[in-house]
């Protein structure tokens, strides 16, 4: 059986080994926190892109479909109801504006979700909290070693401290 740094259990680790182990673990923690921040930022960017796409689709729909859709809808309403052509064209325009408004609302919803996403801020707070905990950490008191330094006695001390 061995400790995480490869030294056998029951042997005393030097301060350098303990410091190296703590540095390695802290480095891994920082790398993991950075990876988490990147993943959350990527999700926020994806939501923002979806929002922009929905707004663009709303604008393009309104721009390119108005002439053809307006004529088709106006003539369809005229055929169905027999109303004046001007009223039919106004109803056709209102229907196009309604569809564009729905797409704009979808864009607003996704924009709010992207704005709410505070991934990097959460990670920064987590890093500060981890650093605060490490600053206030006190070393664990070690039990007194027995006078006889036999391997059995050392292993018993190692078992009691873990």
Protein backbone atom coordinates (compact mmCIF):
# COMPACT_ATOMS: atom_id res chain seq x y z
CA UNK A 1 0.00 0.00 0.00
CA UNK A 2 1.34 3.46 -0.83
CA UNK A 3 0.43 7.14 -0.40
CA UNK A 4 -0.75 9.23 -3.38
CA UNK A 5 2.81 10.42 -4.02
CA UNK A 6 4.12 6.85 -4.27
CA UNK A 7 5.85 6.66 -0.91
CA UNK A 8 5.00 3.62 1.22
CA UNK A 9 2.47 4.05 4.02
CA UNK A 10 4.07 4.42 7.40
CA UNK A 11 7.04 6.43 6.23
CA UNK A 12 7.25 10.08 7.13
CA UNK A 13 6.96 12.39 4.15
CA UNK A 14 9.20 15.40 4.08
CA UNK A 15 7.89 18.95 3.99
CA UNK A 16 9.06 19.18 0.38
CA UNK A 17 7.04 16.10 -0.56
CA UNK A 18 3.97 17.48 1.24
CA UNK A 19 4.41 20.85 -0.46
CA UNK A 20 4.84 19.21 -3.86
CA UNK A 21 1.72 17.14 -3.29
CA UNK A 22 -0.29 20.20 -2.21
CA UNK A 23 1.00 22.19 -5.19
CA UNK A 24 0.04 19.42 -7.61
CA UNK A 25 -3.44 19.14 -6.14
CA UNK A 26 -3.92 22.93 -6.16
CA UNK A 27 -2.77 23.07 -9.79
CA UNK A 28 -5.25 20.34 -10.72
CA UNK A 29 -8.00 22.24 -8.91
CA UNK A 30 -7.20 25.46 -10.79
CA UNK A 31 -7.13 23.61 -14.14
CA UNK A 32 -10.50 22.03 -13.37
CA UNK A 33 -11.96 25.41 -12.40
CA UNK A 34 -10.70 26.92 -15.67
CA UNK A 35 -12.21 24.04 -17.66
CA UNK A 36 -15.53 24.58 -15.87
CA UNK A 37 -15.44 28.31 -16.66
CA UNK A 38 -14.75 27.55 -20.34
CA UNK A 39 -17.66 25.10 -20.51
CA UNK A 40 -20.06 27.56 -18.89
CA UNK A 41 -18.87 30.39 -21.12
CA UNK A 42 -19.35 28.19 -24.20
CA UNK A 43 -22.94 27.50 -23.09
CA UNK A 44 -23.60 31.24 -22.62
CA UNK A 45 -22.17 32.01 -26.07
CA UNK A 46 -24.34 29.28 -27.60
CA UNK A 47 -27.45 30.83 -26.02
CA UNK A 48 -26.44 34.25 -27.30
CA UNK A 49 -25.92 32.86 -30.80
CA UNK A 50 -29.36 31.23 -30.69
CA UNK A 51 -30.86 34.55 -29.67
CA UNK A 52 -29.11 36.35 -32.51
CA UNK A 53 -30.25 33.71 -34.96
CA UNK A 54 -33.86 34.05 -33.86
CA UNK A 55 -33.72 37.84 -34.23
CA UNK A 56 -32.13 37.47 -37.66
CA UNK A 57 -34.76 34.97 -38.74
CA UNK A 58 -37.50 37.34 -37.60
CA UNK A 59 -35.99 40.19 -39.61
CA UNK A 60 -35.42 38.10 -42.71
CA UNK A 61 -38.91 36.67 -42.56
CA UNK A 62 -40.41 40.11 -42.34
CA UNK A 63 -38.24 41.47 -45.11
CA UNK A 64 -38.40 38.71 -47.73
CA UNK A 65 -41.80 37.19 -47.18
CA UNK A 66 -43.88 40.31 -46.94
CA UNK A 67 -44.45 40.91 -50.65
CA UNK A 68 -45.32 37.35 -51.67
CA UNK A 69 -47.06 36.39 -48.47
CA UNK A 70 -49.01 39.63 -48.37
CA UNK A 71 -50.33 39.20 -51.88
CA UNK A 72 -51.20 35.55 -51.39
CA UNK A 73 -52.88 36.15 -48.06
CA UNK A 74 -54.75 39.25 -49.25
CA UNK A 75 -56.13 37.47 -52.30
CA UNK A 76 -57.01 34.46 -50.16
CA UNK A 77 -58.93 36.61 -47.67
CA UNK A 78 -60.66 38.40 -50.58
CA UNK A 79 -61.69 35.07 -52.09
CA UNK A 80 -62.88 33.70 -48.75
CA UNK A 81 -64.72 36.78 -47.41
CA UNK A 82 -65.42 39.08 -50.34
CA UNK A 83 -64.10 42.11 -48.40
CA UNK A 84 -62.44 45.16 -49.89
CA UNK A 85 -58.84 44.51 -51.14
CA UNK A 86 -57.36 47.21 -48.87
CA UNK A 87 -58.72 45.48 -45.75
CA UNK A 88 -57.43 42.16 -47.03
CA UNK A 89 -53.91 43.59 -47.49
CA UNK A 90 -53.97 45.09 -43.98
CA UNK A 91 -54.94 41.74 -42.49
CA UNK A 92 -52.16 40.08 -44.50
CA UNK A 93 -49.61 42.56 -43.14
CA UNK A 94 -50.88 42.05 -39.56
CA UNK A 95 -50.39 38.30 -39.88
CA UNK A 96 -46.78 38.77 -41.03
CA UNK A 97 -46.06 41.18 -38.16
CA UNK A 98 -47.55 38.65 -35.71
CA UNK A 99 -45.22 35.85 -36.92
CA UNK A 100 -42.20 38.18 -36.78
CA UNK A 101 -43.22 39.25 -33.25
CA UNK A 102 -43.36 35.63 -32.11
CA UNK A 103 -39.86 35.01 -33.47
CA UNK A 104 -38.64 38.18 -31.74
CA UNK A 105 -40.12 36.94 -28.43
CA UNK A 106 -38.23 33.67 -28.84
CA UNK A 107 -35.08 35.72 -29.38
CA UNK A 108 -35.77 37.75 -26.22
CA UNK A 109 -36.24 34.60 -24.14
CA UNK A 110 -32.92 33.16 -25.28
CA UNK A 111 -31.19 36.52 -24.80
CA UNK A 112 -32.39 36.67 -21.18
CA UNK A 113 -31.16 33.12 -20.58
CA UNK A 114 -27.77 34.03 -22.01
CA UNK A 115 -27.62 37.16 -19.87
CA UNK A 116 -28.57 35.22 -16.71
CA UNK A 117 -25.83 32.68 -17.32
CA UNK A 118 -23.08 33.75 -14.98
CA UNK A 119 -20.76 30.80 -15.43
CA UNK A 120 -17.41 32.60 -15.07
CA UNK A 121 -18.66 34.57 -12.05
CA UNK A 122 -19.72 31.34 -10.33
CA UNK A 123 -16.34 29.78 -10.99
CA UNK A 124 -14.51 32.86 -9.71
CA UNK A 125 -16.56 32.77 -6.52
CA UNK A 126 -15.80 29.07 -6.14
CA UNK A 127 -12.07 29.69 -6.55
CA UNK A 128 -12.18 32.48 -3.95
CA UNK A 129 -14.04 30.18 -1.57
CA UNK A 130 -11.49 27.39 -2.08
CA UNK A 131 -8.64 29.83 -1.47
CA UNK A 132 -10.35 31.09 1.70
CA UNK A 133 -10.73 27.57 3.02
CA UNK A 134 -7.09 26.78 2.27
CA UNK A 135 -5.91 29.98 4.00
CA UNK A 136 -7.79 29.07 7.17
CA UNK A 137 -6.70 25.43 7.15
CA UNK A 138 -4.67 24.30 10.11
CA UNK A 139 -2.36 21.31 10.03
CA UNK A 140 -3.70 18.13 11.54
CA UNK A 141 -1.89 17.36 14.81
CA UNK A 142 0.21 14.24 14.54
CA UNK A 143 0.15 11.66 17.32
CA UNK A 144 3.34 11.11 19.27
CA UNK A 145 5.56 8.41 17.84
CA UNK A 146 6.27 5.50 20.17
CA UNK A 147 9.76 5.15 21.56
CA UNK A 148 10.34 1.92 19.63
CA UNK A 149 10.43 2.71 15.92
CA UNK A 150 9.60 -0.79 14.77
CA UNK A 151 7.70 -1.18 11.47
CA UNK A 152 4.60 -2.43 13.31
CA UNK A 153 4.51 0.66 15.55
CA UNK A 154 4.96 3.00 12.59
CA UNK A 155 2.21 1.26 10.64
CA UNK A 156 -0.12 1.48 13.66
CA UNK A 157 0.46 5.24 13.84
CA UNK A 158 -0.13 5.55 10.09
CA UNK A 159 -3.44 3.66 10.37
CA UNK A 160 -4.59 5.80 13.29
CA UNK A 161 -3.92 9.07 11.44
CA UNK A 162 -5.68 8.08 8.21
